[in-house]
Structures are given as structure tokens and as C-alpha cells.
Amino acid sequence: MVEGHKSEQTENLGSHGGRASSWLAVTVILLGTVVAGFGMTQANWMLIWIGAGVFVVGGILALVFDIFTDVVIDTPRVGMEAEDHR
């Protein structure tokens, strides 16, 4: 491969990185899950409901930020048939 040029295989890989706003929503959801999980291990209903509330806020952020539009579908790989995946 010539330096500075992309090969045909690496050119069509797509990207699954996502936007910073999408990562914020996922982080809030994860934080809510961790807080609620910790509350379950401590039998602390207050922490469980706080974690559940943070989780719901993260879900609302995910809807507002439309995080599902971040997914970029890769193009089909050259030379691979459906039978190769069985």
C-alpha cells in the first residue's frame, strides 16, 4: 500500500464512534444503573429510586439527542458470501 492512500478494504469500514452528546446520554444511563445496583446491594431503597431516576433522565437525553442516528452501517465485504457466515 502506498503511504497516504487508503486501500479499498479500509475505505469502506464506516464509523461507530458516535457524537459527544450520545456518549453523555449513555454515561448518564450507566451512572444510573451503577447507583441503583449499589443501592440494591446495600438494601437502600432511596439509592435504588435515585438510580432509577437518573436512568430515566439518561433515556430521555438519548431520545432528545437521537443517539440511534450515530450508527453507520458498514458496506458489505468484498468476496464474502452468505454461506461464509454459517
Protein backbone atom coordinates (compact mmCIF):
# COMPACT_ATOMS: atom_id res chain seq x y z
CA MET A 1 0.00 0.00 0.00
CA VAL A 2 1.30 3.43 -0.91
CA GLU A 3 1.70 5.73 2.06
CA GLY A 4 -1.08 8.32 2.21
CA HIS A 5 -3.54 6.22 0.20
CA LYS A 6 -6.30 4.11 1.70
CA SER A 7 -6.82 0.61 0.45
CA GLU A 8 -10.24 -0.39 -0.83
CA GLN A 9 -10.84 -2.51 2.27
CA THR A 10 -10.14 0.24 4.81
CA GLU A 11 -12.01 2.89 2.85
CA ASN A 12 -15.46 1.35 3.43
CA LEU A 13 -15.22 0.45 7.12
CA GLY A 14 -17.65 3.11 8.36
CA SER A 15 -17.56 4.56 11.86
CA HIS A 16 -19.24 3.63 15.13
CA GLY A 17 -17.69 6.40 17.22
CA GLY A 18 -20.79 8.49 17.93
CA ARG A 19 -21.17 12.10 18.98
CA ALA A 20 -20.21 13.50 22.36
CA SER A 21 -23.88 14.14 23.19
CA SER A 22 -24.68 10.48 22.59
CA TRP A 23 -21.84 9.41 24.87
CA LEU A 24 -23.18 11.78 27.53
CA ALA A 25 -26.59 10.09 27.40
CA VAL A 26 -25.00 6.63 27.62
CA THR A 27 -22.83 7.76 30.54
CA VAL A 28 -25.86 9.07 32.44
CA ILE A 29 -27.70 5.78 31.84
CA LEU A 30 -24.68 3.81 33.03
CA LEU A 31 -24.33 6.03 36.12
CA GLY A 32 -28.00 5.45 36.99
CA THR A 33 -27.53 1.70 36.62
CA VAL A 34 -24.47 1.72 38.88
CA VAL A 35 -26.19 3.83 41.56
CA ALA A 36 -29.31 1.61 41.53
CA GLY A 37 -27.16 -1.53 41.60
CA PHE A 38 -25.20 -0.24 44.56
CA GLY A 39 -28.46 0.62 46.29
CA MET A 40 -29.64 -2.96 45.76
CA THR A 41 -26.52 -4.38 47.38
CA GLN A 42 -26.99 -2.07 50.37
CA ALA A 43 -30.78 -2.64 50.55
CA ASN A 44 -31.21 1.13 50.32
CA TRP A 45 -34.47 1.99 48.57
CA MET A 46 -33.55 5.68 48.35
CA LEU A 47 -30.45 4.89 46.24
CA ILE A 48 -32.43 2.46 44.09
CA TRP A 49 -35.02 5.11 43.21
CA ILE A 50 -32.37 7.81 42.69
CA GLY A 51 -30.54 5.46 40.31
CA ALA A 52 -33.78 4.64 38.52
CA GLY A 53 -34.49 8.37 38.15
CA VAL A 54 -31.02 9.06 36.76
CA PHE A 55 -31.51 6.13 34.36
CA VAL A 56 -34.80 7.62 33.11
CA VAL A 57 -33.16 11.04 32.66
CA GLY A 58 -30.45 9.34 30.58
CA GLY A 59 -33.12 7.66 28.47
CA ILE A 60 -34.82 10.99 27.86
CA LEU A 61 -31.47 12.50 26.89
CA ALA A 62 -30.94 9.60 24.48
CA LEU A 63 -34.28 10.32 22.83
CA VAL A 64 -33.61 14.07 22.65
CA PHE A 65 -30.10 13.58 21.24
CA ASP A 66 -31.38 10.88 18.83
CA ILE A 67 -28.44 8.58 19.56
CA PHE A 68 -29.58 5.87 17.15
CA THR A 69 -28.63 8.03 14.17
CA ASP A 70 -24.96 7.69 15.14
CA VAL A 71 -24.75 4.13 13.80
CA VAL A 72 -23.04 3.87 10.43
CA ILE A 73 -23.67 0.58 8.68
CA ASP A 74 -20.59 -0.89 7.04
CA THR A 75 -20.70 -1.70 3.37
CA PRO A 76 -20.68 -5.41 2.52
CA ARG A 77 -17.25 -7.01 2.45
CA VAL A 78 -15.93 -7.92 -0.96
CA GLY A 79 -15.66 -11.64 -1.63
CA MET A 80 -17.80 -12.80 1.31
CA GLU A 81 -20.91 -14.77 0.55
CA ALA A 82 -23.80 -15.55 2.88
CA GLU A 83 -22.59 -19.16 3.10
CA ASP A 84 -19.26 -17.98 4.59
CA HIS A 85 -21.05 -16.88 7.76
CA ARG A 86 -22.66 -20.21 8.65
